[in-house]
């Protein structure tokens, strides 16, 4: 596999993971609104957009750049 093909594969994987992560955030947020849970509203954002999610994405992006 060429380096360009490998980078493109990693980029596709990162995009997919980020979209799935965003989708799960949307579902979690919608459920929290539907059941009126302040705890669920407060909890997903920090975990989705910081911490392990971003660290993992940054590592893969840095390898695919």
C-alpha atoms as a PDB file:
ATOM      1  CA  UNK A   1       0.000   0.000   0.000  1.00  0.00           C
ATOM      2  CA  UNK A   2       1.413   3.379  -0.933  1.00  0.00           C
ATOM      3  CA  UNK A   3       1.870   6.176   1.591  1.00  0.00           C
ATOM      4  CA  UNK A   4      -0.772   8.294  -0.166  1.00  0.00           C
ATOM      5  CA  UNK A   5      -3.307   5.480  -0.061  1.00  0.00           C
ATOM      6  CA  UNK A   6      -2.545   4.871   3.610  1.00  0.00           C
ATOM      7  CA  UNK A   7      -2.995   8.572   4.430  1.00  0.00           C
ATOM      8  CA  UNK A   8      -6.282   8.682   2.534  1.00  0.00           C
ATOM      9  CA  UNK A   9      -7.497   5.603   4.411  1.00  0.00           C
ATOM     10  CA  UNK A  10      -6.613   7.214   7.736  1.00  0.00           C
ATOM     11  CA  UNK A  11      -8.387  10.431   6.742  1.00  0.00           C
ATOM     12  CA  UNK A  12     -11.528   8.495   5.856  1.00  0.00           C
ATOM     13  CA  UNK A  13     -11.355   6.637   9.165  1.00  0.00           C
ATOM     14  CA  UNK A  14     -10.966   9.891  11.115  1.00  0.00           C
ATOM     15  CA  UNK A  15     -13.901  11.470   9.283  1.00  0.00           C
ATOM     16  CA  UNK A  16     -16.067   8.424   9.984  1.00  0.00           C
ATOM     17  CA  UNK A  17     -15.163   8.323  13.676  1.00  0.00           C
ATOM     18  CA  UNK A  18     -15.779  12.050  14.066  1.00  0.00           C
ATOM     19  CA  UNK A  19     -19.170  11.812  12.334  1.00  0.00           C
ATOM     20  CA  UNK A  20     -20.179   8.829  14.455  1.00  0.00           C
ATOM     21  CA  UNK A  21     -19.052  10.665  17.579  1.00  0.00           C
ATOM     22  CA  UNK A  22     -21.059  13.744  16.599  1.00  0.00           C
ATOM     23  CA  UNK A  23     -24.085  11.567  15.808  1.00  0.00           C
ATOM     24  CA  UNK A  24     -23.916   9.868  19.187  1.00  0.00           C
ATOM     25  CA  UNK A  25     -23.668  13.269  20.846  1.00  0.00           C
ATOM     26  CA  UNK A  26     -26.834  14.323  18.987  1.00  0.00           C
ATOM     27  CA  UNK A  27     -28.711  11.228  20.106  1.00  0.00           C
ATOM     28  CA  UNK A  28     -27.584  11.644  23.704  1.00  0.00           C
ATOM     29  CA  UNK A  29     -28.536  15.332  23.665  1.00  0.00           C
ATOM     30  CA  UNK A  30     -31.956  14.617  22.107  1.00  0.00           C
ATOM     31  CA  UNK A  31     -32.721  11.936  24.690  1.00  0.00           C
ATOM     32  CA  UNK A  32     -31.654  14.271  27.493  1.00  0.00           C
ATOM     33  CA  UNK A  33     -34.022  16.942  26.186  1.00  0.00           C
ATOM     34  CA  UNK A  34     -36.846  14.436  25.725  1.00  0.00           C
ATOM     35  CA  UNK A  35     -36.659  13.133  29.287  1.00  0.00           C
ATOM     36  CA  UNK A  36     -35.737  16.471  30.849  1.00  0.00           C
ATOM     37  CA  UNK A  37     -32.446  15.282  32.287  1.00  0.00           C
ATOM     38  CA  UNK A  38     -30.157  18.153  33.229  1.00  0.00           C
ATOM     39  CA  UNK A  39     -27.439  15.658  34.135  1.00  0.00           C
ATOM     40  CA  UNK A  40     -27.448  14.131  30.658  1.00  0.00           C
ATOM     41  CA  UNK A  41     -27.452  17.594  29.092  1.00  0.00           C
ATOM     42  CA  UNK A  42     -24.384  18.608  31.058  1.00  0.00           C
ATOM     43  CA  UNK A  43     -22.428  15.384  30.655  1.00  0.00           C
ATOM     44  CA  UNK A  44     -22.029  14.674  26.924  1.00  0.00           C
ATOM     45  CA  UNK A  45     -20.362  17.857  25.662  1.00  0.00           C
ATOM     46  CA  UNK A  46     -17.131  17.673  27.652  1.00  0.00           C
ATOM     47  CA  UNK A  47     -16.660  14.005  26.807  1.00  0.00           C
ATOM     48  CA  UNK A  48     -17.453  14.375  23.135  1.00  0.00           C
ATOM     49  CA  UNK A  49     -15.363  17.404  22.330  1.00  0.00           C
ATOM     50  CA  UNK A  50     -12.415  17.050  24.650  1.00  0.00           C
ATOM     51  CA  UNK A  51     -10.472  14.383  26.400  1.00  0.00           C
ATOM     52  CA  UNK A  52      -9.931  11.031  24.754  1.00  0.00           C
ATOM     53  CA  UNK A  53     -12.058  11.789  21.698  1.00  0.00           C
ATOM     54  CA  UNK A  54      -9.955  14.730  20.592  1.00  0.00           C
ATOM     55  CA  UNK A  55      -6.678  13.153  21.639  1.00  0.00           C
ATOM     56  CA  UNK A  56      -7.380  10.090  19.541  1.00  0.00           C
ATOM     57  CA  UNK A  57      -8.491  12.134  16.551  1.00  0.00           C
ATOM     58  CA  UNK A  58      -5.448  14.400  16.827  1.00  0.00           C
ATOM     59  CA  UNK A  59      -3.101  11.419  16.899  1.00  0.00           C
ATOM     60  CA  UNK A  60      -4.647   9.894  13.802  1.00  0.00           C
ATOM     61  CA  UNK A  61      -4.802  13.253  12.013  1.00  0.00           C
ATOM     62  CA  UNK A  62      -1.160  13.947  12.764  1.00  0.00           C
ATOM     63  CA  UNK A  63      -0.209  10.623  11.210  1.00  0.00           C
ATOM     64  CA  UNK A  64      -2.382  11.267   8.158  1.00  0.00           C
ATOM     65  CA  UNK A  65      -1.105  14.806   7.483  1.00  0.00           C
END
